[in-house]
Amino acid sequence: MKKIKKIMKKKEEVLKNIIIEEVVNEYKIKFFREPRLGYYFAIDIRYNSSLNYNALKSAIENLEDYKIKKAEMKKKKKRMEKKEKKKI
């Protein structure tokens, strides 16, 4: 039982939060359109990273493929432009 209480105490963290009960009356709130009645509640959540090795590796491979395809498209475009000039 003592172990469970220790674990529970470790898991309980005090989160930083912001509560604004009347957003219309708060001068710090900026409305981009018309003001709306309501309540604002925000919690500060932090995490180290959402990336892992496989996601990063995949992104690099996709970027390399994109660069290769882009170069091929430029070559095709130049060839097509040369053909069009010869026809005229």
N, C-alpha and C. Protein backbone atom coordinates (compact mmCIF):
# COMPACT_ATOMS: atom_id res chain seq x y z
N MET A 1 0.82 -1.19 0.00
CA MET A 1 0.00 0.00 0.00
C MET A 1 0.87 1.26 0.00
N LYS A 2 1.99 1.21 0.75
CA LYS A 2 2.87 2.37 0.80
C LYS A 2 3.51 2.63 -0.56
N LYS A 3 3.83 1.55 -1.29
CA LYS A 3 4.42 1.70 -2.61
C LYS A 3 3.45 2.40 -3.56
N ILE A 4 2.19 2.05 -3.48
CA ILE A 4 1.19 2.67 -4.35
C ILE A 4 1.07 4.16 -4.06
N LYS A 5 1.09 4.53 -2.80
CA LYS A 5 0.99 5.94 -2.43
C LYS A 5 2.20 6.72 -2.92
N LYS A 6 3.39 6.12 -2.84
CA LYS A 6 4.60 6.78 -3.33
C LYS A 6 4.51 6.99 -4.84
N ILE A 7 4.05 5.98 -5.56
CA ILE A 7 3.91 6.09 -7.01
C ILE A 7 2.90 7.17 -7.37
N MET A 8 1.79 7.21 -6.64
CA MET A 8 0.74 8.21 -6.92
C MET A 8 1.27 9.62 -6.67
N LYS A 9 2.08 9.79 -5.63
CA LYS A 9 2.64 11.11 -5.34
C LYS A 9 3.59 11.56 -6.46
N LYS A 10 4.36 10.62 -6.99
CA LYS A 10 5.28 10.94 -8.08
C LYS A 10 4.52 11.34 -9.34
N LYS A 11 3.40 10.66 -9.60
CA LYS A 11 2.64 10.94 -10.81
C LYS A 11 1.90 12.26 -10.73
N GLU A 12 1.53 12.67 -9.53
CA GLU A 12 0.80 13.92 -9.38
C GLU A 12 1.78 15.09 -9.55
N GLU A 13 1.61 15.81 -10.64
CA GLU A 13 2.43 16.97 -10.89
C GLU A 13 1.52 18.18 -10.94
N VAL A 14 2.05 19.28 -10.51
CA VAL A 14 1.28 20.51 -10.56
C VAL A 14 1.47 21.11 -11.94
N LEU A 15 0.37 21.18 -12.70
CA LEU A 15 0.42 21.73 -14.03
C LEU A 15 0.15 23.23 -13.97
N LYS A 16 0.92 23.98 -14.77
CA LYS A 16 0.65 25.40 -14.88
C LYS A 16 -0.57 25.57 -15.76
N ASN A 17 -1.49 26.40 -15.32
CA ASN A 17 -2.67 26.61 -16.13
C ASN A 17 -3.15 28.06 -16.05
N ILE A 18 -3.98 28.42 -16.99
CA ILE A 18 -4.57 29.76 -17.03
C ILE A 18 -6.08 29.58 -17.10
N ILE A 19 -6.77 30.28 -16.25
CA ILE A 19 -8.23 30.26 -16.27
C ILE A 19 -8.73 31.69 -16.36
N ILE A 20 -9.56 31.96 -17.35
CA ILE A 20 -10.19 33.25 -17.49
C ILE A 20 -11.69 32.98 -17.57
N GLU A 21 -12.42 33.42 -16.56
CA GLU A 21 -13.83 33.08 -16.49
C GLU A 21 -14.68 33.91 -17.45
N GLU A 22 -14.41 35.18 -17.59
CA GLU A 22 -15.16 36.04 -18.51
C GLU A 22 -14.21 36.61 -19.54
N VAL A 23 -14.16 36.00 -20.71
CA VAL A 23 -13.21 36.44 -21.72
C VAL A 23 -13.56 37.81 -22.30
N VAL A 24 -14.82 38.17 -22.29
CA VAL A 24 -15.24 39.46 -22.85
C VAL A 24 -14.72 40.60 -21.99
N ASN A 25 -14.66 40.41 -20.70
CA ASN A 25 -14.21 41.46 -19.78
C ASN A 25 -12.70 41.52 -19.62
N GLU A 26 -11.98 40.56 -20.17
CA GLU A 26 -10.52 40.51 -20.01
C GLU A 26 -9.84 41.28 -21.13
N TYR A 27 -9.04 42.27 -20.79
CA TYR A 27 -8.39 43.10 -21.80
C TYR A 27 -7.25 42.37 -22.52
N LYS A 28 -6.71 41.29 -21.94
CA LYS A 28 -5.60 40.56 -22.55
C LYS A 28 -6.05 39.65 -23.70
N ILE A 29 -7.33 39.37 -23.79
CA ILE A 29 -7.86 38.49 -24.82
C ILE A 29 -8.07 39.30 -26.10
N LYS A 30 -7.55 38.78 -27.22
CA LYS A 30 -7.73 39.43 -28.51
C LYS A 30 -8.71 38.61 -29.32
N PHE A 31 -9.74 39.26 -29.82
CA PHE A 31 -10.72 38.62 -30.68
C PHE A 31 -10.39 38.97 -32.12
N PHE A 32 -10.34 37.99 -32.99
CA PHE A 32 -10.03 38.24 -34.39
C PHE A 32 -11.28 38.55 -35.19
N ARG A 33 -12.41 38.19 -34.70
CA ARG A 33 -13.69 38.54 -35.32
C ARG A 33 -14.55 39.15 -34.24
N GLU A 34 -15.79 38.73 -34.15
CA GLU A 34 -16.67 39.28 -33.12
C GLU A 34 -16.38 38.61 -31.77
N PRO A 35 -16.51 39.36 -30.67
CA PRO A 35 -16.30 38.75 -29.35
C PRO A 35 -17.37 37.71 -29.05
N ARG A 36 -16.97 36.67 -28.36
CA ARG A 36 -17.92 35.62 -27.98
C ARG A 36 -17.83 35.39 -26.48
N LEU A 37 -18.97 35.19 -25.89
CA LEU A 37 -19.02 34.90 -24.46
C LEU A 37 -18.40 33.53 -24.22
N GLY A 38 -17.76 33.40 -23.09
CA GLY A 38 -17.21 32.09 -22.81
C GLY A 38 -16.15 32.09 -21.73
N TYR A 39 -15.50 30.97 -21.64
CA TYR A 39 -14.56 30.65 -20.59
C TYR A 39 -13.29 30.17 -21.29
N TYR A 40 -12.13 30.58 -20.82
CA TYR A 40 -10.86 30.18 -21.42
C TYR A 40 -10.06 29.39 -20.40
N PHE A 41 -9.60 28.22 -20.81
CA PHE A 41 -8.81 27.38 -19.93
C PHE A 41 -7.66 26.79 -20.73
N ALA A 42 -6.43 27.02 -20.31
CA ALA A 42 -5.25 26.51 -21.01
C ALA A 42 -4.33 25.81 -20.01
N ILE A 43 -3.74 24.71 -20.46
CA ILE A 43 -2.82 23.94 -19.62
C ILE A 43 -1.48 23.87 -20.34
N ASP A 44 -0.41 24.09 -19.61
CA ASP A 44 0.94 23.98 -20.15
C ASP A 44 1.36 22.52 -20.13
N ILE A 45 1.49 21.93 -21.32
CA ILE A 45 1.90 20.54 -21.44
C ILE A 45 3.22 20.53 -22.20
N ARG A 46 4.22 19.90 -21.63
CA ARG A 46 5.53 19.83 -22.26
C ARG A 46 5.91 18.38 -22.49
N TYR A 47 6.55 18.15 -23.61
CA TYR A 47 7.06 16.82 -23.91
C TYR A 47 8.42 16.97 -24.58
N ASN A 48 9.25 15.98 -24.45
CA ASN A 48 10.62 16.06 -24.97
C ASN A 48 10.65 16.09 -26.49
N SER A 49 10.04 15.12 -27.13
CA SER A 49 10.05 15.07 -28.58
C SER A 49 9.01 14.08 -29.06
N SER A 50 8.43 14.39 -30.20
CA SER A 50 7.49 13.44 -30.79
C SER A 50 8.14 12.66 -31.93
N LEU A 51 9.40 12.98 -32.20
CA LEU A 51 10.11 12.30 -33.28
C LEU A 51 10.84 11.07 -32.75
N ASN A 52 10.88 10.07 -33.58
CA ASN A 52 11.73 8.93 -33.27
C ASN A 52 12.64 8.69 -34.47
N TYR A 53 13.52 7.79 -34.38
CA TYR A 53 14.53 7.56 -35.41
C TYR A 53 13.88 7.20 -36.74
N ASN A 54 12.88 6.31 -36.71
CA ASN A 54 12.26 5.86 -37.95
C ASN A 54 11.54 7.01 -38.67
N ALA A 55 10.87 7.87 -37.92
CA ALA A 55 10.18 9.00 -38.54
C ALA A 55 11.18 9.96 -39.18
N LEU A 56 12.28 10.22 -38.50
CA LEU A 56 13.31 11.11 -39.04
C LEU A 56 13.94 10.51 -40.30
N LYS A 57 14.24 9.22 -40.26
CA LYS A 57 14.83 8.54 -41.41
C LYS A 57 13.87 8.58 -42.60
N SER A 58 12.61 8.34 -42.36
CA SER A 58 11.60 8.38 -43.41
C SER A 58 11.49 9.77 -44.03
N ALA A 59 11.53 10.80 -43.20
CA ALA A 59 11.45 12.18 -43.70
C ALA A 59 12.64 12.51 -44.58
N ILE A 60 13.82 12.07 -44.20
CA ILE A 60 15.03 12.31 -45.00
C ILE A 60 14.92 11.59 -46.34
N GLU A 61 14.46 10.34 -46.32
CA GLU A 61 14.30 9.59 -47.57
C GLU A 61 13.28 10.27 -48.48
N ASN A 62 12.17 10.72 -47.92
CA ASN A 62 11.15 11.41 -48.71
C ASN A 62 11.71 12.69 -49.33
N LEU A 63 12.50 13.41 -48.59
CA LEU A 63 13.11 14.64 -49.11
C LEU A 63 14.05 14.33 -50.27
N GLU A 64 14.85 13.28 -50.14
CA GLU A 64 15.75 12.89 -51.21
C GLU A 64 14.97 12.49 -52.46
N ASP A 65 13.90 11.72 -52.29
CA ASP A 65 13.05 11.34 -53.43
C ASP A 65 12.45 12.57 -54.09
N TYR A 66 12.01 13.51 -53.28
CA TYR A 66 11.42 14.74 -53.81
C TYR A 66 12.44 15.51 -54.65
N LYS A 67 13.66 15.62 -54.15
CA LYS A 67 14.70 16.35 -54.90
C LYS A 67 15.00 15.67 -56.24
N ILE A 68 15.05 14.34 -56.24
CA ILE A 68 15.32 13.60 -57.48
C ILE A 68 14.19 13.82 -58.48
N LYS A 69 12.95 13.69 -58.02
CA LYS A 69 11.80 13.88 -58.90
C LYS A 69 11.72 15.31 -59.43
N LYS A 70 12.06 16.27 -58.59
CA LYS A 70 12.06 17.67 -59.01
C LYS A 70 13.08 17.91 -60.11
N ALA A 71 14.28 17.33 -59.97
CA ALA A 71 15.33 17.46 -60.99
C ALA A 71 14.87 16.82 -62.30
N GLU A 72 14.23 15.66 -62.22
CA GLU A 72 13.73 14.98 -63.42
C GLU A 72 12.67 15.83 -64.11
N MET A 73 11.79 16.44 -63.34
CA MET A 73 10.74 17.28 -63.92
C MET A 73 11.35 18.51 -64.62
N LYS A 74 12.38 19.08 -64.05
CA LYS A 74 13.05 20.22 -64.70
C LYS A 74 13.64 19.80 -66.04
N LYS A 75 14.27 18.63 -66.09
CA LYS A 75 14.84 18.13 -67.34
C LYS A 75 13.75 17.92 -68.38
N LYS A 76 12.64 17.31 -67.98
CA LYS A 76 11.53 17.09 -68.90
C LYS A 76 10.97 18.41 -69.41
N LYS A 77 10.87 19.38 -68.53
CA LYS A 77 10.35 20.68 -68.92
C LYS A 77 11.26 21.34 -69.96
N LYS A 78 12.56 21.27 -69.74
CA LYS A 78 13.52 21.84 -70.70
C LYS A 78 13.41 21.15 -72.05
N ARG A 79 13.29 19.80 -72.04
CA ARG A 79 13.15 19.05 -73.30
C ARG A 79 11.88 19.46 -74.04
N MET A 80 10.78 19.60 -73.30
CA MET A 80 9.51 19.99 -73.91
C MET A 80 9.60 21.40 -74.49
N GLU A 81 10.26 22.30 -73.79
CA GLU A 81 10.41 23.67 -74.28
C GLU A 81 11.26 23.70 -75.55
N LYS A 82 12.30 22.88 -75.62
CA LYS A 82 13.13 22.80 -76.82
C LYS A 82 12.32 22.27 -78.00
N LYS A 83 11.48 21.24 -77.77
CA LYS A 83 10.64 20.68 -78.83
C LYS A 83 9.67 21.74 -79.34
N GLU A 84 9.10 22.51 -78.41
CA GLU A 84 8.13 23.55 -78.79
C GLU A 84 8.81 24.63 -79.63
N LYS A 85 10.03 24.99 -79.28
CA LYS A 85 10.77 26.01 -80.04
C LYS A 85 11.10 25.51 -81.44
N LYS A 86 11.42 24.22 -81.57
CA LYS A 86 11.74 23.65 -82.88
C LYS A 86 10.51 23.63 -83.77
N LYS A 87 9.34 23.38 -83.21
CA LYS A 87 8.10 23.35 -83.98
C LYS A 87 7.76 24.73 -84.52
N ILE A 88 8.08 25.75 -83.78
CA ILE A 88 7.74 27.12 -84.19
C ILE A 88 8.77 27.61 -85.13
